[in-house]
Protein backbone atom coordinates (compact mmCIF):
# COMPACT_ATOMS: atom_id res chain seq x y z
CA MET A 1 4.59 19.58 -29.07
CA SER A 2 8.26 19.88 -28.21
CA VAL A 3 10.34 20.67 -25.13
CA GLU A 4 11.86 23.55 -27.05
CA GLN A 5 8.50 25.38 -26.85
CA LEU A 6 8.72 25.71 -23.06
CA ARG A 7 9.11 29.20 -21.69
CA PRO A 8 12.16 29.83 -19.48
CA PHE A 9 11.69 28.82 -15.86
CA PRO A 10 11.60 31.37 -13.03
CA THR A 11 13.74 31.03 -9.91
CA HIS A 12 10.77 29.83 -7.84
CA PHE A 13 7.06 29.03 -7.95
CA ARG A 14 4.14 28.97 -5.49
CA LEU A 15 2.15 25.84 -4.71
CA ARG A 16 -1.08 25.62 -2.72
CA ASP A 17 -1.60 22.90 -0.11
CA LEU A 18 -3.10 20.20 -2.33
CA THR A 19 -4.00 18.02 0.67
CA ALA A 20 -6.48 20.72 1.74
CA ILE A 21 -8.24 20.39 -1.63
CA THR A 22 -8.69 16.63 -1.30
CA ALA A 23 -9.15 16.28 2.48
CA PRO A 24 -12.87 17.25 2.64
CA VAL A 25 -13.71 14.19 0.50
CA PHE A 26 -10.85 11.72 1.07
CA GLU A 27 -10.12 10.37 4.56
CA LEU A 28 -6.59 9.99 5.97
CA LYS A 29 -6.02 6.99 8.23
CA LEU A 30 -2.87 5.20 9.45
CA ASN A 31 -2.25 1.45 9.55
CA PRO A 32 -1.18 0.23 13.05
CA TYR A 33 0.95 -2.56 11.50
CA GLU A 34 3.19 -0.19 9.53
CA ALA A 35 6.34 -0.55 11.67
CA ALA A 36 6.19 -4.35 11.83
CA ALA A 37 5.48 -4.66 8.11
CA ALA A 38 8.28 -2.23 7.27
CA HIS A 39 10.83 -4.23 9.28
CA THR A 40 10.09 -7.42 7.36
CA THR A 41 9.79 -5.82 3.93
CA ASN A 42 12.93 -3.69 4.24
CA ALA A 43 14.89 -6.90 4.82
CA TRP A 44 13.15 -8.43 1.79
CA PHE A 45 14.20 -5.47 -0.37
CA GLU A 46 17.77 -5.55 0.96
CA ARG A 47 18.13 -9.12 -0.29
CA ARG A 48 17.25 -8.01 -3.83
CA ASN A 49 20.42 -5.90 -4.12
CA VAL A 50 18.70 -3.37 -6.36
CA TYR A 51 20.59 -0.41 -4.89
CA HIS A 52 23.82 0.00 -2.95
CA GLY A 53 25.45 2.67 -0.82
CA LEU A 54 24.16 6.21 -1.02
CA LYS A 55 21.66 5.39 -3.76
CA LYS A 56 20.01 2.78 -1.55
CA GLN A 57 20.02 5.16 1.38
CA LYS A 58 18.36 7.84 -0.73
CA PHE A 59 15.75 5.45 -2.10
CA LEU A 60 14.77 4.15 1.34
CA SER A 61 14.60 7.70 2.72
CA HIS A 62 11.48 8.23 0.60
CA ARG A 63 9.56 6.21 3.20
CA PHE A 64 7.54 3.88 1.02
CA ASP A 65 6.62 2.05 4.23
CA SER A 66 4.84 5.14 5.53
CA TYR A 67 3.25 5.60 2.13
CA ALA A 68 1.76 2.11 2.34
CA GLY A 69 0.72 2.67 5.95
CA MET A 70 -1.27 5.75 4.92
CA SER A 71 -2.60 4.23 1.70
CA PHE A 72 -3.69 0.78 2.93
CA PRO A 73 -4.78 1.63 6.49
CA ASP A 74 -7.14 -1.33 6.96
CA ALA A 75 -4.88 -4.06 5.52
CA ASP A 76 -3.74 -6.77 7.91
CA LEU A 77 -0.02 -7.34 8.57
CA THR A 78 0.53 -9.91 5.80
CA HIS A 79 -1.27 -7.88 3.14
CA LEU A 80 0.47 -4.67 4.21
CA GLU A 81 3.86 -6.35 3.76
CA THR A 82 2.90 -7.15 0.18
CA CYS A 83 1.71 -3.58 -0.36
CA ILE A 84 5.06 -2.18 0.81
CA ALA A 85 6.89 -4.68 -1.43
CA PHE A 86 4.67 -3.51 -4.29
CA PHE A 87 5.83 0.08 -3.73
CA PHE A 88 9.49 -1.00 -3.61
CA TRP A 89 9.09 -2.80 -6.93
CA ALA A 90 7.01 -0.14 -8.68
CA PHE A 91 9.13 2.86 -7.69
CA SER A 92 12.47 1.18 -8.35
CA PHE A 93 11.34 -0.01 -11.79
CA ASP A 94 9.84 3.39 -12.55
CA ASP A 95 13.07 5.13 -11.53
CA LEU A 96 15.00 2.80 -13.83
CA SER A 97 13.26 4.34 -16.84
CA ASP A 98 12.60 7.81 -15.38
CA GLU A 99 16.06 8.76 -14.15
CA GLY A 100 18.25 5.65 -14.26
CA ALA A 101 20.35 3.97 -16.93
CA LEU A 102 17.33 3.37 -19.16
CA GLN A 103 15.99 6.93 -19.27
CA SER A 104 15.01 7.77 -22.88
CA LYS A 105 16.02 4.24 -24.00
CA PRO A 106 12.73 2.58 -25.03
CA ASP A 107 14.37 -0.52 -26.52
CA ALA A 108 16.23 -1.25 -23.29
CA VAL A 109 13.09 -0.59 -21.23
CA GLN A 110 11.25 -3.05 -23.49
CA VAL A 111 13.72 -5.79 -22.55
CA GLY A 112 12.97 -5.33 -18.86
CA VAL A 113 9.24 -5.23 -19.62
CA ASP A 114 9.38 -8.49 -21.59
CA ILE A 115 11.22 -10.29 -18.78
CA SER A 116 8.79 -8.96 -16.18
CA MET A 117 5.72 -9.95 -18.18
CA GLU A 118 6.99 -13.52 -18.43
CA VAL A 119 6.78 -13.62 -14.63
CA LEU A 120 3.05 -12.94 -14.80
CA LYS A 121 2.49 -15.35 -17.68
CA ASN A 122 4.44 -18.18 -16.04
CA PRO A 123 3.84 -17.66 -12.32
CA ASP A 124 5.08 -21.11 -11.27
CA ALA A 125 8.43 -20.75 -13.04
CA PRO A 126 11.56 -20.04 -10.95
CA ALA A 127 12.23 -16.39 -10.16
CA PRO A 128 14.44 -14.74 -12.81
CA ASN A 129 17.84 -13.21 -12.05
CA PHE A 130 16.63 -9.78 -13.16
CA ALA A 131 16.03 -8.19 -9.73
CA TYR A 132 13.01 -6.11 -10.73
CA ALA A 133 11.26 -9.13 -12.25
CA ALA A 134 12.22 -11.24 -9.23
CA MET A 135 10.44 -8.77 -6.94
CA LEU A 136 7.36 -8.88 -9.15
CA HIS A 137 7.52 -12.69 -9.12
CA ASP A 138 7.22 -12.77 -5.32
CA ILE A 139 4.52 -10.07 -5.21
CA TRP A 140 2.49 -11.95 -7.82
CA ARG A 141 2.80 -15.17 -5.79
CA ARG A 142 1.46 -13.44 -2.69
CA PHE A 143 -1.29 -11.66 -4.61
CA ARG A 144 -2.60 -14.88 -6.17
CA SER A 145 -2.64 -16.66 -2.82
CA THR A 146 -5.66 -14.70 -1.50
CA ALA A 147 -7.03 -12.39 -4.23
CA SER A 148 -10.17 -13.17 -6.18
CA LEU A 149 -9.99 -14.41 -9.76
CA GLY A 150 -11.27 -11.06 -11.00
CA ALA A 151 -8.66 -9.13 -9.01
CA CYS A 152 -5.92 -11.40 -10.41
CA ASN A 153 -7.09 -10.74 -13.96
CA ARG A 154 -7.26 -7.00 -13.33
CA PHE A 155 -3.78 -6.98 -11.78
CA PHE A 156 -2.35 -8.83 -14.78
CA ARG A 157 -3.93 -6.49 -17.32
CA ALA A 158 -3.01 -3.42 -15.28
CA VAL A 159 0.66 -4.38 -14.94
CA GLU A 160 0.83 -5.13 -18.66
CA SER A 161 -0.67 -1.71 -19.47
CA TRP A 162 1.66 0.05 -17.01
CA MET A 163 4.72 -1.71 -18.41
CA ASN A 164 3.79 -0.74 -21.97
CA SER A 165 3.23 2.85 -20.86
CA GLN A 166 6.78 2.93 -19.49
CA VAL A 167 8.08 2.04 -22.96
CA GLU A 168 5.82 4.67 -24.57
CA GLN A 169 6.97 7.34 -22.14
CA ALA A 170 10.63 6.41 -22.68
CA ARG A 171 10.04 6.80 -26.42
CA ASN A 172 8.56 10.28 -25.85
CA ARG A 173 11.60 11.20 -23.76
CA SER A 174 13.98 10.01 -26.46
CA THR A 175 12.42 12.40 -28.99
CA ASP A 176 11.68 15.30 -26.59
CA GLU A 177 8.04 15.06 -27.66
CA ILE A 178 5.37 16.24 -25.23
CA PRO A 179 1.79 15.03 -25.83
CA SER A 180 -1.28 17.25 -25.78
CA VAL A 181 -2.99 17.78 -22.43
CA ASP A 182 -5.85 15.41 -23.25
CA ASP A 183 -3.56 12.70 -24.59
CA PHE A 184 -1.21 13.00 -21.65
CA ILE A 185 -4.02 12.70 -19.09
CA ILE A 186 -5.01 9.37 -20.65
CA LEU A 187 -1.38 8.18 -20.79
CA ARG A 188 -0.75 9.39 -17.26
CA ARG A 189 -3.52 7.22 -15.84
CA ARG A 190 -1.46 4.28 -17.07
CA THR A 191 2.03 5.54 -16.14
CA ILE A 192 0.94 6.32 -12.58
CA GLY A 193 -0.25 2.72 -12.34
CA GLY A 194 -3.82 3.66 -11.41
CA PRO A 195 -5.44 0.35 -12.44
CA ILE A 196 -2.70 -1.55 -10.56
CA VAL A 197 -3.49 0.48 -7.46
CA GLU A 198 -7.17 -0.39 -7.78
CA ALA A 199 -6.29 -4.08 -7.97
CA MET A 200 -3.95 -3.73 -4.96
CA VAL A 201 -6.75 -2.10 -2.97
CA GLU A 202 -8.96 -5.09 -3.82
CA TYR A 203 -6.20 -7.45 -2.71
CA SER A 204 -5.47 -5.54 0.51
CA LEU A 205 -8.97 -6.33 1.80
CA ASP A 206 -9.60 -9.54 -0.20
CA LEU A 207 -12.76 -8.02 -1.66
CA GLU A 208 -15.22 -10.01 -3.75
CA ILE A 209 -16.81 -7.69 -6.32
CA PRO A 210 -18.40 -9.16 -9.46
CA GLU A 211 -16.92 -8.25 -12.83
CA TYR A 212 -20.10 -6.62 -14.14
CA VAL A 213 -19.90 -4.01 -11.36
CA TRP A 214 -16.54 -2.75 -12.63
CA ASP A 215 -18.01 -2.35 -16.10
CA HIS A 216 -20.74 0.03 -14.91
CA PRO A 217 -20.22 3.48 -16.55
CA VAL A 218 -20.59 5.40 -13.27
CA LEU A 219 -17.92 3.30 -11.56
CA GLN A 220 -15.65 3.73 -14.58
CA GLU A 221 -16.03 7.52 -14.37
CA MET A 222 -15.31 7.36 -10.64
CA SER A 223 -12.19 5.35 -11.43
CA LYS A 224 -10.93 7.92 -13.96
CA ALA A 225 -11.61 10.77 -11.55
CA VAL A 226 -9.91 9.16 -8.53
CA ILE A 227 -6.84 8.23 -10.60
CA ASP A 228 -6.59 11.82 -11.84
CA ILE A 229 -6.92 13.08 -8.26
CA MET A 230 -4.02 10.93 -7.09
CA THR A 231 -2.00 11.69 -10.25
CA TRP A 232 -2.22 15.42 -10.79
CA PRO A 233 -0.80 16.30 -7.34
CA ASN A 234 2.11 14.03 -8.25
CA ASP A 235 2.76 16.08 -11.38
CA LEU A 236 2.53 19.29 -9.37
CA CYS A 237 4.90 18.03 -6.67
CA SER A 238 7.32 16.11 -8.89
CA PHE A 239 7.79 18.28 -11.98
CA ASN A 240 10.58 20.26 -10.26
CA LYS A 241 12.55 17.08 -9.55
CA GLU A 242 11.81 15.75 -13.03
CA GLN A 243 12.91 18.84 -14.94
CA ALA A 244 16.14 18.79 -12.94
CA ASP A 245 16.62 15.20 -14.16
CA GLY A 246 15.88 16.22 -17.76
CA ASP A 247 12.43 14.61 -17.74
CA PHE A 248 9.60 16.74 -19.17
CA GLN A 249 6.86 14.10 -19.37
CA ASN A 250 4.62 15.94 -16.93
CA LEU A 251 1.18 17.54 -17.14
CA VAL A 252 2.55 20.88 -15.96
CA PHE A 253 4.77 21.10 -19.04
CA CYS A 254 1.94 19.96 -21.33
CA ILE A 255 -0.17 22.85 -20.05
CA MET A 256 2.71 25.33 -20.41
CA ILE A 257 3.16 24.46 -24.08
CA GLU A 258 -0.44 23.89 -25.16
CA ARG A 259 -1.72 27.08 -23.50
CA ASP A 260 1.50 29.03 -24.04
CA VAL A 261 1.75 30.11 -20.40
CA ASP A 262 4.56 30.45 -17.88
CA LEU A 263 5.32 27.96 -15.13
CA GLN A 264 3.31 29.65 -12.37
CA SER A 265 0.24 29.93 -14.58
CA ALA A 266 0.48 26.25 -15.49
CA VAL A 267 0.76 25.29 -11.81
CA ASP A 268 -2.31 27.40 -10.96
CA ILE A 269 -4.32 25.97 -13.88
CA LEU A 270 -3.57 22.38 -12.86
CA THR A 271 -4.42 23.15 -9.23
CA GLU A 272 -7.85 24.41 -10.30
CA MET A 273 -8.27 21.34 -12.52
CA LEU A 274 -7.62 19.20 -9.45
CA ALA A 275 -10.31 20.99 -7.42
CA GLN A 276 -12.79 20.46 -10.25
CA ARG A 277 -11.87 16.78 -10.46
CA VAL A 278 -12.64 16.33 -6.76
CA ALA A 279 -16.07 17.84 -7.40
CA ASP A 280 -16.51 15.46 -10.36
CA TYR A 281 -15.77 12.47 -8.13
CA VAL A 282 -18.33 13.55 -5.55
CA ARG A 283 -20.95 13.95 -8.30
CA TYR A 284 -20.25 10.52 -9.77
CA ARG A 285 -20.28 8.86 -6.35
CA ALA A 286 -23.76 10.25 -5.70
CA GLN A 287 -24.95 8.63 -8.95
CA LEU A 288 -23.74 5.14 -8.07
CA PRO A 289 -26.68 2.69 -8.27
CA SER A 290 -27.40 -0.27 -6.00
CA PHE A 291 -26.16 -3.72 -7.00
CA GLY A 292 -27.85 -5.56 -4.13
CA PRO A 293 -27.05 -5.62 -0.38
CA GLU A 294 -24.02 -7.94 -0.50
CA VAL A 295 -22.33 -6.28 -3.47
CA ASP A 296 -23.13 -2.80 -2.14
CA ALA A 297 -21.41 -3.66 1.14
CA GLU A 298 -18.24 -4.84 -0.64
CA LEU A 299 -18.30 -1.86 -2.99
CA ALA A 300 -18.66 0.53 -0.05
CA ARG A 301 -15.54 -1.01 1.51
CA TYR A 302 -13.70 -0.60 -1.79
CA ASN A 303 -14.74 3.03 -2.28
CA LYS A 304 -13.69 3.90 1.25
CA ALA A 305 -10.36 2.14 0.74
CA ILE A 306 -9.58 3.81 -2.61
CA GLU A 307 -10.43 7.19 -1.08
CA GLN A 308 -8.07 6.48 1.82
CA TYR A 309 -5.40 5.41 -0.65
CA THR A 310 -5.83 8.65 -2.57
CA GLN A 311 -5.48 10.91 0.46
CA GLY A 312 -2.55 8.88 1.76
CA THR A 313 -0.89 9.34 -1.61
CA VAL A 314 -1.37 13.12 -1.70
CA VAL A 315 -0.11 13.48 1.88
CA TRP A 316 2.94 11.32 1.11
CA TYR A 317 3.92 13.62 -1.78
CA TYR A 318 4.56 16.30 0.87
CA TYR A 319 5.80 13.97 3.60
CA SER A 320 8.50 12.24 1.55
CA PRO A 321 11.80 14.03 0.74
CA ARG A 322 11.51 12.59 -2.78
CA TYR A 323 10.07 15.79 -4.26
CA PHE A 324 10.92 18.78 -2.04
CA ARG A 325 14.50 17.94 -0.96
CA GLY A 326 13.99 18.46 2.75
CA GLN A 327 12.05 21.72 2.50
CA ASP A 328 9.46 22.13 5.26
CA VAL A 329 6.20 21.99 3.31
CA SER A 330 3.71 20.46 5.76
CA GLY A 331 0.74 22.31 7.19
CA LYS A 332 1.19 25.49 5.12
CA PRO A 333 -1.60 26.92 2.96
CA GLU A 334 0.94 27.83 0.29
CA ILE A 335 4.64 27.19 -0.15
CA VAL A 336 7.31 28.91 -2.22
CA VAL A 337 9.50 26.33 -3.93
CA PRO A 338 12.88 27.12 -5.54
CA VAL A 339 13.28 25.74 -9.05
CA PHE A 340 16.02 23.11 -8.94
CA GLU A 341 19.07 23.44 -11.14
CA ARG A 342 19.37 20.93 -13.92
CA THR A 343 21.44 17.85 -13.02
CA VAL A 344 23.98 17.20 -15.76
CA PRO A 345 24.12 13.49 -16.67
CA ALA A 346 27.54 11.89 -17.14
CA GLU A 347 27.24 11.88 -20.93
CA GLU A 348 26.63 15.65 -20.87
CA ALA A 349 29.59 16.44 -18.64
CA VAL A 350 31.65 17.50 -21.68
CA PRO A 351 29.61 20.14 -23.52
CA ALA A 352 29.14 19.80 -27.27
CA HIS A 353 30.57 22.58 -29.45
CA GLY A 354 31.90 24.37 -26.36
CA VAL A 355 28.44 25.27 -25.04
CA SER A 356 28.07 25.15 -21.27
CA PRO A 357 25.26 22.89 -20.03
CA LYS A 358 24.03 25.74 -17.83
CA SER A 359 23.34 27.87 -20.90
CA HIS A 360 20.71 25.42 -22.12
CA THR A 361 19.06 24.11 -18.97
CA LEU A 362 15.60 23.50 -20.42
CA VAL A 363 16.39 21.12 -23.26
CA PRO A 364 18.15 17.80 -22.60
CA SER A 365 21.29 17.33 -24.63
CA LEU A 366 20.93 15.13 -27.69
CA VAL A 367 24.58 14.15 -27.50
CA SER A 368 25.26 10.65 -26.14
CA SER A 369 28.48 8.76 -26.15
CA SER A 370 29.05 5.51 -28.01
CA TYR A 371 30.22 4.05 -24.71
CA LEU A 372 26.80 4.62 -23.14
CA ARG A 373 25.01 3.07 -26.11
CA LEU A 374 27.28 0.03 -25.95
CA SER A 375 26.69 -0.30 -22.20
CA LEU A 376 22.93 -0.23 -22.65
CA LEU A 377 23.15 -2.82 -25.42
CA LEU A 378 25.23 -5.09 -23.21
CA PHE A 379 22.74 -4.59 -20.39
CA SER A 380 19.88 -5.68 -22.65
CA LEU A 381 21.75 -8.73 -23.91
CA LEU A 382 22.81 -9.71 -20.39
CA ALA A 383 19.23 -9.41 -19.11
CA CYS A 384 18.03 -11.70 -21.88
CA LEU A 385 20.75 -14.27 -21.20
CA LEU A 386 20.04 -14.29 -17.48
CA TYR A 387 16.40 -15.12 -18.00
CA VAL A 388 15.20 -18.34 -19.60
CA THR A 389 11.48 -18.95 -19.76
CA PRO A 390 10.62 -22.55 -18.79
CA PRO A 391 7.57 -24.11 -20.47
CA VAL A 392 5.34 -23.99 -17.40
CA PRO A 393 1.62 -23.40 -18.01
CA LEU A 394 -0.46 -20.72 -16.35
CA LEU A 395 -2.22 -21.53 -13.15
CA SER A 396 -5.40 -23.34 -14.02
CA ARG A 397 -7.42 -21.13 -11.67
CA ILE A 398 -6.59 -17.97 -13.61
CA ALA A 399 -8.18 -17.35 -16.98
CA PHE A 400 -6.46 -14.23 -18.22
CA LEU A 401 -8.71 -12.17 -20.42
């Protein structure tokens, strides 16, 4: 499927309160250590020099500290600091490929992925000069200090899968290809970082859950459902921002094309899909067997924590200015959202063949300057030169599978 198959966008669309759909099942709770953890972690992020000036101000305005406070409400101060740092790393790296210099540049994204994966493979090596990998290096050090062996293995595999999904999504952007609905749902579970979140929830409470429990088919179905429930509201809340940035890798657009419907119909269809997925989760949860008193107690803590994470996530989509640009959207059963105008990237500032960018707002321009390509190549080469992998073995306590 192609971006060119999208129907023209209207001037606005209606969106139901998605938090009301999830709230009957997923609890919202706030962490009392949020302010203290935010103070420390904001200073940590400042030292990374990832953003400067207005871009840094805009990034921090998204309130990732509040997101962590709502999503890890029972974490202690030290673990909550790591959770906030995790959000700083994940969102900044994601923005690098979603809307930054590496958007639609899979080869350049791959360079950053390779450097970052070396951090996980060689955890005792010095932190690299690549800021995104340096953040991951510190997060990984903290994670390994208290997490179980199983959680460490799951975090490693989950980050690797998420990194590879970023390259795959960048490749889709570069060709304007949009996957089928079913294929995109599977890919989206990886691009949202669902398995990483599950590992972070384990870490936040230092849970000890045997590996065989995670392999149980009921728990795997619960995992798929809860990741979809935290992901699909993101697509509903973020597609407006993404289309304005020229990014059409979103479930709303997949539905528009596959079902040949307009924007409002696609939004309504996905909203109903979300309600059904909540019902699926409740049904799977009721089928969960007993694994013995000790394991059941740990698993109950995990299920409660992942449910709190999910509701905190959905609430944050509305609370943060990241998606609705300051519009008052809280506490309303339905909101009317104006469709944002397309932001014209620098390389599209001069229209090709005299065509105004505004006359073709749905399809990203395929014209790119040789200067931009050279800059991205230099970026990739510089990143490689700045990072040298020392021959340090993996920690003996971690047997990556």
